[in-house]
Every structure is written in C-alpha cells, then in structure tokens.
Protein backbone atom coordinates (compact mmCIF):
# COMPACT_ATOMS: atom_id res chain seq x y z
CA MET A 1 131.70 121.79 115.30
CA THR A 2 130.17 121.12 111.62
CA ASP A 3 127.30 119.26 110.93
CA PHE A 4 129.27 116.61 108.78
CA SER A 5 131.69 116.29 112.00
CA GLN A 6 128.86 116.01 114.23
CA ARG A 7 127.20 113.01 112.16
CA LEU A 8 130.32 111.16 111.69
CA ARG A 9 130.89 111.17 115.69
CA SER A 10 127.78 110.55 116.46
CA GLU A 11 127.41 107.37 113.81
CA ILE A 12 131.00 106.14 114.88
CA GLU A 13 129.91 106.10 118.31
CA TYR A 14 126.41 104.66 117.44
CA ILE A 15 128.19 101.56 115.88
CA ASP A 16 130.60 101.33 119.14
CA LEU A 17 133.79 101.86 117.82
CA ASN A 18 136.67 104.08 118.96
CA GLN A 19 138.52 106.17 116.34
CA LYS A 20 141.22 104.27 115.82
CA GLU A 21 139.34 100.83 115.20
CA PHE A 22 136.81 103.05 112.75
CA ALA A 23 139.98 104.43 110.79
CA ALA A 24 141.38 101.05 110.49
CA LYS A 25 137.93 99.60 108.97
CA ALA A 26 138.00 102.36 106.84
CA GLY A 27 141.23 102.19 105.64
CA ILE A 28 142.31 105.72 106.48
CA LYS A 29 145.14 107.05 108.95
CA LYS A 30 143.87 107.82 112.36
CA ARG A 31 145.28 111.27 112.01
CA ALA A 32 143.33 112.27 108.63
CA LEU A 33 140.05 111.06 111.00
CA GLU A 34 141.07 113.40 113.72
CA ALA A 35 141.16 116.32 111.15
CA TYR A 36 137.73 115.48 110.06
CA LEU A 37 136.58 115.24 113.84
CA GLY A 38 138.69 117.67 115.63
CA PRO A 39 138.73 121.63 115.71
CA GLN A 40 140.07 122.17 111.94
CA GLN A 41 136.74 120.00 110.70
CA SER A 42 138.04 119.63 107.35
CA MET A 43 135.82 117.73 104.96
CA PRO A 44 137.25 114.49 103.35
CA PRO A 45 138.14 114.01 99.81
CA ALA A 46 134.91 111.39 98.05
CA ASP A 47 136.93 108.48 97.88
CA ILE A 48 137.36 108.90 101.63
CA ALA A 49 133.87 109.66 102.29
CA VAL A 50 133.00 106.68 100.55
CA LYS A 51 135.02 104.78 102.63
CA MET A 52 133.51 106.13 106.05
CA ALA A 53 130.07 106.00 104.96
CA THR A 54 130.69 102.17 103.75
CA VAL A 55 132.12 101.39 107.17
CA LEU A 56 129.01 103.26 108.74
CA GLY A 57 126.48 101.70 106.66
CA LEU A 58 125.29 105.18 105.25
CA SER A 59 125.27 106.77 102.07
CA VAL A 60 127.84 109.96 101.70
CA GLU A 61 124.78 111.93 100.97
CA TYR A 62 123.46 111.27 104.51
CA LEU A 63 126.98 111.99 105.98
CA VAL A 64 127.48 115.35 104.19
CA THR A 65 123.76 116.69 104.02
CA GLY A 66 121.90 114.86 106.90
CA LYS A 67 119.39 114.15 104.32
CA GLU A 68 118.00 110.56 103.25
CA PHE A 69 117.38 107.89 105.20
CA LYS A 70 120.30 107.02 107.56
CA LYS A 71 120.76 103.14 107.67
CA THR A 72 120.79 100.94 104.67
CA VAL A 73 118.32 98.13 105.09
CA ASP A 74 119.34 94.61 103.82
CA ILE A 75 116.09 93.62 102.38
CA SER A 76 117.48 89.94 100.90
CA LYS A 77 116.16 88.82 104.24
CA TYR A 78 112.53 89.74 103.96
CA LEU A 79 112.01 88.73 100.44
CA GLN A 80 110.93 85.36 101.49
CA PHE A 81 108.06 87.77 103.06
CA LYS A 82 106.69 89.39 99.89
CA GLY A 83 104.17 87.08 99.05
CA ILE A 84 102.54 87.44 102.79
CA LEU A 85 103.08 91.03 102.72
CA ASP A 86 101.29 91.50 99.70
CA ASP A 87 98.10 89.55 101.03
CA LEU A 88 98.37 91.33 104.04
CA ALA A 89 98.33 94.66 102.34
CA ILE A 90 94.79 93.97 100.82
CA LEU A 91 93.22 92.82 104.43
CA PRO A 92 91.10 95.36 106.27
CA GLN A 93 92.42 96.77 109.51
CA GLU A 94 90.10 94.80 111.52
CA THR A 95 91.37 91.56 110.29
CA LEU A 96 94.91 92.70 110.78
CA ASP A 97 94.90 93.25 114.40
CA PRO A 98 94.44 90.00 115.66
CA ILE A 99 96.89 88.65 112.97
CA LYS A 100 99.34 91.34 114.32
CA SER A 101 98.41 90.08 117.65
CA VAL A 102 99.06 86.55 116.91
CA ILE A 103 102.29 87.36 115.14
CA LYS A 104 103.52 89.48 117.94
CA ALA A 105 102.98 86.78 120.37
CA PHE A 106 104.95 84.33 118.44
CA ALA A 107 107.84 86.62 118.03
CA ASP A 108 107.80 87.08 122.01
CA ASN A 109 107.84 83.81 122.74
CA GLU A 110 110.60 82.68 120.48
CA ARG A 111 112.81 86.13 121.49
CA SER A 112 112.24 84.78 125.44
CA ARG A 113 113.47 81.35 124.56
CA ILE A 114 116.69 82.39 122.54
CA GLY A 115 117.47 85.61 124.34
C-alpha cells in the first residue's frame, strides 16, 4: 500500500465514514475511491485530491507527502482570547501555573456539567 493510500484510508477511518459515505461527500464515484485505496493504488488527479482533502479537513500536500500539520484548525473561535493570550505570554511561569490550575478547574467543572 502506498503512503498516499495509507494516509487516505487512515484519515477516512479517523472521521468515521465508510468508503461509500466518503465518496459521496467528496463528490467522487466509489469505484474511483476504490482505485485509490485498492491494489492498484493509483494517484488521483489534482481536482479529486482537493475534494478529498477538503472533506478530510487536510491539505493535499499532507495527503500526498505526509508533510505539514495534518488537521487545519479554525482559529476564528479563539480570536476573542487574543488579548488574554498576549497578556499571559508576558507573565513568568510561577504566575502562570496557578492561573492554569484555576482555568483547568473551571473547565473541568463545565465539562462535567454539560457532559
């Protein structure tokens, strides 16, 4: 199995889709997907690779080479904390440790409340 095929198979499993579901989401034929995953292990054309990578939340570069950070992160939900992070970045470690403990305690409490 090629590295591309292994990465593709692994990532499809990671998002908990079967091959038919993944092919439908990517807008490709299941038979084409089988060609990329099966014994032939052919490499898809760029437009198909882009569709597959988009569904997986990955870059095409990662699928093909295995390099680059795998998952893209939507940072928009963290932008509201930028000022706080800037302030925390200048604090010494001995000040940060108790702050991290307090934040973790509040977060654990919230997770148990909603979980």
